[in-house]
N, C-alpha and C. Protein backbone atom coordinates (compact mmCIF):
# COMPACT_ATOMS: atom_id res chain seq x y z
N MET A 1 84.65 88.23 108.73
CA MET A 1 86.10 88.28 108.63
C MET A 1 86.51 89.68 108.23
N ARG A 2 87.54 90.15 108.88
CA ARG A 2 88.15 91.44 108.54
C ARG A 2 89.52 91.15 107.95
N ILE A 3 89.90 91.89 106.92
CA ILE A 3 91.20 91.70 106.29
C ILE A 3 91.94 93.02 106.28
N SER A 4 93.11 93.04 106.94
CA SER A 4 93.97 94.22 106.93
C SER A 4 95.02 94.03 105.84
N GLU A 5 95.44 95.14 105.27
CA GLU A 5 96.49 95.10 104.26
C GLU A 5 97.50 96.20 104.55
N TYR A 6 98.76 95.86 104.36
CA TYR A 6 99.86 96.80 104.55
C TYR A 6 100.73 96.73 103.31
N VAL A 7 101.17 97.89 102.84
CA VAL A 7 102.01 97.95 101.64
C VAL A 7 103.30 98.67 101.99
N GLY A 8 104.42 98.07 101.60
CA GLY A 8 105.72 98.68 101.79
C GLY A 8 106.79 97.87 101.10
N ASN A 9 107.81 98.52 100.61
CA ASN A 9 108.92 97.85 99.92
C ASN A 9 108.44 96.99 98.75
N ASN A 10 107.41 97.46 98.05
CA ASN A 10 106.83 96.72 96.92
C ASN A 10 106.30 95.35 97.31
N ILE A 11 105.85 95.23 98.55
CA ILE A 11 105.28 93.99 99.07
C ILE A 11 103.93 94.33 99.72
N VAL A 12 102.95 93.47 99.51
CA VAL A 12 101.67 93.62 100.18
C VAL A 12 101.56 92.52 101.24
N ILE A 13 101.25 92.92 102.47
CA ILE A 13 100.99 91.97 103.54
C ILE A 13 99.48 91.93 103.73
N ILE A 14 98.92 90.74 103.56
CA ILE A 14 97.49 90.53 103.73
C ILE A 14 97.30 89.78 105.04
N GLU A 15 96.49 90.35 105.93
CA GLU A 15 96.33 89.79 107.26
C GLU A 15 94.84 89.58 107.58
N PRO A 16 94.35 88.35 107.33
CA PRO A 16 92.96 88.08 107.69
C PRO A 16 92.80 87.95 109.20
N HIS A 17 91.63 88.35 109.70
CA HIS A 17 91.33 88.28 111.13
C HIS A 17 90.04 87.48 111.29
N GLY A 18 90.07 86.49 112.17
CA GLY A 18 88.86 85.72 112.45
C GLY A 18 88.93 84.32 111.88
N ARG A 19 87.78 83.83 111.47
CA ARG A 19 87.65 82.47 110.98
C ARG A 19 87.75 82.43 109.46
N LEU A 20 88.53 81.50 108.94
CA LEU A 20 88.61 81.28 107.49
C LEU A 20 87.82 80.00 107.21
N THR A 21 86.55 80.19 106.89
CA THR A 21 85.62 79.08 106.74
C THR A 21 84.79 79.26 105.47
N LEU A 22 83.92 78.32 105.22
CA LEU A 22 83.04 78.39 104.06
C LEU A 22 82.31 79.73 103.99
N GLU A 23 81.92 80.25 105.14
CA GLU A 23 81.18 81.51 105.18
C GLU A 23 82.04 82.73 104.88
N THR A 24 83.35 82.63 105.02
CA THR A 24 84.20 83.82 104.88
C THR A 24 85.20 83.75 103.73
N THR A 25 85.31 82.62 103.07
CA THR A 25 86.36 82.49 102.04
C THR A 25 86.18 83.46 100.88
N GLN A 26 84.94 83.87 100.57
CA GLN A 26 84.76 84.79 99.45
C GLN A 26 85.44 86.13 99.72
N PHE A 27 85.45 86.59 100.98
CA PHE A 27 86.13 87.84 101.32
C PHE A 27 87.64 87.69 101.14
N PHE A 28 88.15 86.57 101.59
CA PHE A 28 89.58 86.28 101.47
C PHE A 28 89.98 86.21 100.00
N ARG A 29 89.22 85.47 99.20
CA ARG A 29 89.54 85.33 97.77
C ARG A 29 89.51 86.67 97.06
N ARG A 30 88.55 87.53 97.43
CA ARG A 30 88.49 88.86 96.81
C ARG A 30 89.72 89.70 97.14
N ALA A 31 90.21 89.59 98.37
CA ALA A 31 91.39 90.36 98.76
C ALA A 31 92.61 89.93 97.94
N ILE A 32 92.77 88.64 97.74
CA ILE A 32 93.89 88.14 96.93
C ILE A 32 93.71 88.57 95.48
N ALA A 33 92.50 88.38 94.93
CA ALA A 33 92.23 88.74 93.54
C ALA A 33 92.46 90.22 93.28
N LYS A 34 92.07 91.05 94.22
CA LYS A 34 92.26 92.50 94.08
C LYS A 34 93.73 92.85 93.89
N ARG A 35 94.60 92.23 94.67
CA ARG A 35 96.03 92.51 94.55
C ARG A 35 96.62 91.93 93.27
N LEU A 36 96.13 90.79 92.84
CA LEU A 36 96.61 90.22 91.59
C LEU A 36 96.18 91.08 90.40
N GLU A 37 94.95 91.56 90.44
CA GLU A 37 94.43 92.39 89.35
C GLU A 37 95.18 93.70 89.21
N THR A 38 95.71 94.21 90.31
CA THR A 38 96.44 95.48 90.25
C THR A 38 97.93 95.29 90.00
N GLY A 39 98.35 94.04 89.75
CA GLY A 39 99.70 93.80 89.28
C GLY A 39 100.76 93.54 90.33
N TRP A 40 100.40 93.36 91.56
CA TRP A 40 101.40 93.08 92.59
C TRP A 40 102.00 91.70 92.38
N ASN A 41 103.32 91.59 92.55
CA ASN A 41 103.95 90.29 92.34
C ASN A 41 104.61 89.73 93.60
N ARG A 42 104.42 90.39 94.73
CA ARG A 42 104.97 89.89 96.01
C ARG A 42 103.92 90.08 97.10
N LEU A 43 103.45 88.96 97.63
CA LEU A 43 102.43 88.99 98.67
C LEU A 43 102.87 88.16 99.86
N ILE A 44 102.58 88.67 101.04
CA ILE A 44 102.78 87.91 102.28
C ILE A 44 101.41 87.71 102.90
N LEU A 45 101.10 86.48 103.22
CA LEU A 45 99.86 86.16 103.91
C LEU A 45 100.18 85.86 105.36
N ASP A 46 99.75 86.75 106.24
CA ASP A 46 100.03 86.63 107.68
C ASP A 46 98.82 86.00 108.36
N LEU A 47 99.00 84.77 108.86
CA LEU A 47 97.89 84.01 109.42
C LEU A 47 97.80 84.06 110.94
N GLN A 48 98.54 84.97 111.57
CA GLN A 48 98.56 84.99 113.03
C GLN A 48 97.20 85.28 113.67
N ASN A 49 96.30 85.95 112.97
CA ASN A 49 95.00 86.29 113.54
C ASN A 49 93.85 85.45 112.99
N VAL A 50 94.19 84.35 112.32
CA VAL A 50 93.16 83.40 111.89
C VAL A 50 93.02 82.38 113.01
N ASP A 51 91.90 82.46 113.71
CA ASP A 51 91.74 81.60 114.88
C ASP A 51 91.08 80.26 114.58
N TYR A 52 90.54 80.10 113.39
CA TYR A 52 89.94 78.82 113.01
C TYR A 52 89.90 78.71 111.50
N MET A 53 90.18 77.51 110.99
CA MET A 53 90.16 77.28 109.55
C MET A 53 89.53 75.91 109.31
N ASP A 54 88.58 75.84 108.37
CA ASP A 54 87.99 74.55 108.01
C ASP A 54 88.51 74.13 106.64
N SER A 55 87.94 73.08 106.08
CA SER A 55 88.42 72.58 104.79
C SER A 55 88.24 73.61 103.68
N ALA A 56 87.18 74.41 103.75
CA ALA A 56 87.00 75.48 102.76
C ALA A 56 88.10 76.52 102.89
N GLY A 57 88.50 76.81 104.12
CA GLY A 57 89.61 77.74 104.34
C GLY A 57 90.91 77.20 103.77
N LEU A 58 91.16 75.91 103.98
CA LEU A 58 92.35 75.29 103.39
C LEU A 58 92.30 75.37 101.87
N GLY A 59 91.12 75.13 101.31
CA GLY A 59 90.95 75.24 99.86
C GLY A 59 91.20 76.65 99.37
N ALA A 60 90.77 77.64 100.15
CA ALA A 60 91.00 79.04 99.76
C ALA A 60 92.49 79.37 99.77
N LEU A 61 93.23 78.83 100.74
CA LEU A 61 94.68 79.03 100.76
C LEU A 61 95.32 78.41 99.53
N ALA A 62 94.92 77.18 99.20
CA ALA A 62 95.48 76.50 98.03
C ALA A 62 95.12 77.26 96.75
N HIS A 63 93.89 77.75 96.67
CA HIS A 63 93.47 78.53 95.50
C HIS A 63 94.29 79.81 95.37
N ALA A 64 94.50 80.49 96.49
CA ALA A 64 95.30 81.72 96.48
C ALA A 64 96.72 81.42 95.99
N TYR A 65 97.30 80.36 96.51
CA TYR A 65 98.66 80.00 96.14
C TYR A 65 98.77 79.69 94.64
N THR A 66 97.85 78.88 94.13
CA THR A 66 97.92 78.52 92.70
C THR A 66 97.57 79.70 91.81
N SER A 67 96.63 80.56 92.25
CA SER A 67 96.30 81.76 91.46
C SER A 67 97.52 82.66 91.34
N CYS A 68 98.22 82.83 92.43
CA CYS A 68 99.44 83.65 92.41
C CYS A 68 100.50 83.00 91.54
N TRP A 69 100.71 81.72 91.73
CA TRP A 69 101.75 81.01 90.98
C TRP A 69 101.52 81.08 89.48
N THR A 70 100.28 80.92 89.02
CA THR A 70 100.01 80.96 87.58
C THR A 70 100.21 82.34 86.99
N ARG A 71 100.18 83.39 87.83
CA ARG A 71 100.39 84.75 87.35
C ARG A 71 101.81 85.25 87.58
N GLY A 72 102.67 84.37 88.08
CA GLY A 72 104.05 84.76 88.33
C GLY A 72 104.22 85.59 89.59
N THR A 73 103.26 85.52 90.48
CA THR A 73 103.31 86.25 91.74
C THR A 73 103.78 85.32 92.85
N ARG A 74 104.67 85.80 93.70
CA ARG A 74 105.10 85.01 94.86
C ARG A 74 104.16 85.28 96.02
N LEU A 75 103.62 84.23 96.58
CA LEU A 75 102.82 84.31 97.79
C LEU A 75 103.52 83.47 98.84
N VAL A 76 103.87 84.11 99.95
CA VAL A 76 104.50 83.38 101.05
C VAL A 76 103.64 83.54 102.30
N PHE A 77 103.77 82.60 103.19
CA PHE A 77 102.97 82.55 104.41
C PHE A 77 103.86 82.84 105.61
N VAL A 78 103.29 83.50 106.61
CA VAL A 78 104.03 83.82 107.82
C VAL A 78 103.11 83.66 109.03
N HIS A 79 103.73 83.36 110.17
CA HIS A 79 103.00 83.20 111.43
C HIS A 79 101.93 82.11 111.35
N VAL A 80 102.29 80.98 110.78
CA VAL A 80 101.39 79.83 110.73
C VAL A 80 101.71 78.98 111.95
N VAL A 81 100.85 79.07 112.96
CA VAL A 81 101.14 78.43 114.24
C VAL A 81 99.95 77.61 114.71
N GLY A 82 100.20 76.82 115.75
CA GLY A 82 99.14 76.08 116.42
C GLY A 82 98.36 75.16 115.51
N ARG A 83 97.06 75.20 115.65
CA ARG A 83 96.18 74.32 114.90
C ARG A 83 96.30 74.54 113.39
N ASN A 84 96.48 75.80 112.97
CA ASN A 84 96.62 76.08 111.54
C ASN A 84 97.85 75.41 110.95
N ARG A 85 98.96 75.45 111.69
CA ARG A 85 100.18 74.78 111.22
C ARG A 85 99.96 73.27 111.15
N GLU A 86 99.29 72.72 112.16
CA GLU A 86 99.01 71.29 112.18
C GLU A 86 98.13 70.88 110.99
N LEU A 87 97.14 71.69 110.65
CA LEU A 87 96.30 71.41 109.49
C LEU A 87 97.12 71.39 108.20
N LEU A 88 98.02 72.36 108.05
CA LEU A 88 98.86 72.40 106.86
C LEU A 88 99.82 71.21 106.82
N ARG A 89 100.29 70.80 107.99
CA ARG A 89 101.18 69.64 108.05
C ARG A 89 100.43 68.36 107.67
N LEU A 90 99.25 68.17 108.25
CA LEU A 90 98.46 66.96 107.99
C LEU A 90 98.04 66.84 106.53
N THR A 91 97.76 67.95 105.91
CA THR A 91 97.32 67.95 104.51
C THR A 91 98.49 68.03 103.52
N LYS A 92 99.70 68.06 104.06
CA LYS A 92 100.93 68.16 103.27
C LYS A 92 101.09 69.51 102.56
N LEU A 93 100.22 70.47 102.86
CA LEU A 93 100.36 71.79 102.27
C LEU A 93 101.56 72.54 102.82
N LEU A 94 102.00 72.16 103.99
CA LEU A 94 103.19 72.79 104.58
C LEU A 94 104.41 72.55 103.71
N THR A 95 104.42 71.46 102.95
CA THR A 95 105.54 71.17 102.05
C THR A 95 105.39 71.87 100.70
N VAL A 96 104.20 72.39 100.42
CA VAL A 96 103.94 73.07 99.15
C VAL A 96 104.12 74.58 99.28
N PHE A 97 103.55 75.14 100.33
CA PHE A 97 103.60 76.58 100.54
C PHE A 97 104.98 77.00 101.05
N ASP A 98 105.36 78.24 100.75
CA ASP A 98 106.56 78.85 101.32
C ASP A 98 106.14 79.47 102.65
N VAL A 99 106.56 78.84 103.76
CA VAL A 99 106.13 79.27 105.09
C VAL A 99 107.35 79.76 105.88
N TYR A 100 107.20 80.94 106.48
CA TYR A 100 108.27 81.54 107.28
C TYR A 100 107.76 81.85 108.67
N GLU A 101 108.69 81.88 109.61
CA GLU A 101 108.34 82.14 111.01
C GLU A 101 108.07 83.62 111.25
N THR A 102 108.84 84.49 110.61
CA THR A 102 108.71 85.93 110.85
C THR A 102 108.47 86.68 109.55
N THR A 103 107.91 87.87 109.69
CA THR A 103 107.67 88.72 108.53
C THR A 103 109.00 89.12 107.89
N LEU A 104 110.01 89.37 108.70
CA LEU A 104 111.32 89.74 108.17
C LEU A 104 111.89 88.62 107.28
N GLU A 105 111.79 87.38 107.72
CA GLU A 105 112.25 86.25 106.89
C GLU A 105 111.47 86.19 105.58
N ALA A 106 110.16 86.40 105.65
CA ALA A 106 109.32 86.38 104.45
C ALA A 106 109.72 87.51 103.49
N GLU A 107 109.94 88.70 104.04
CA GLU A 107 110.35 89.83 103.21
C GLU A 107 111.69 89.56 102.54
N ARG A 108 112.62 88.99 103.28
CA ARG A 108 113.93 88.66 102.70
C ARG A 108 113.79 87.65 101.56
N SER A 109 112.91 86.67 101.72
CA SER A 109 112.73 85.68 100.65
C SER A 109 112.14 86.34 99.41
N LEU A 110 111.29 87.34 99.62
CA LEU A 110 110.68 88.03 98.48
C LEU A 110 111.64 89.01 97.81
N ALA A 111 112.68 89.38 98.50
CA ALA A 111 113.67 90.28 97.91
C ALA A 111 114.33 89.64 96.70
N LEU A 112 114.25 88.33 96.60
CA LEU A 112 114.82 87.61 95.46
C LEU A 112 113.92 87.66 94.24
N THR A 113 112.67 88.13 94.42
CA THR A 113 111.72 88.23 93.32
C THR A 113 111.93 89.55 92.60
N PRO A 114 112.11 89.53 91.28
CA PRO A 114 112.36 90.78 90.56
C PRO A 114 111.18 91.73 90.66
N ASP A 115 111.47 93.02 90.67
CA ASP A 115 110.42 94.04 90.69
C ASP A 115 109.73 94.08 89.33
N VAL A 116 108.44 94.31 89.37
CA VAL A 116 107.69 94.62 88.15
C VAL A 116 106.81 95.81 88.47
N SER A 117 106.37 96.48 87.46
CA SER A 117 105.52 97.65 87.68
C SER A 117 104.19 97.22 88.24
N VAL A 118 103.66 98.02 89.15
CA VAL A 118 102.32 97.79 89.67
C VAL A 118 101.44 98.93 89.23
N ALA A 119 100.19 98.62 89.04
CA ALA A 119 99.25 99.63 88.55
C ALA A 119 98.89 100.59 89.66
């Protein structure tokens, strides 16, 4: 798994590429933890390039969401389509996560989150 990151407007966009499975979740979790440790409070998770997700991948998404929530960080999801959207719907995670169709919508939702200093 490859993970791209983009920073702008005090928001980090994390974009995993490939499969989010038992074999790759540790890379994903490290990317989220890295941003939490450096004090970021607004994250967008762009799932458009995740072509397959298993139950471990779903667990990693839930872990990321709760890790962010407990630290006062907003994590929103964008470009959740096809099979990935269906998995979130079936597991009822679609009703838990903040999911947006476009990055612009996600950024606008995060604009409501107060700025805090980042390291």
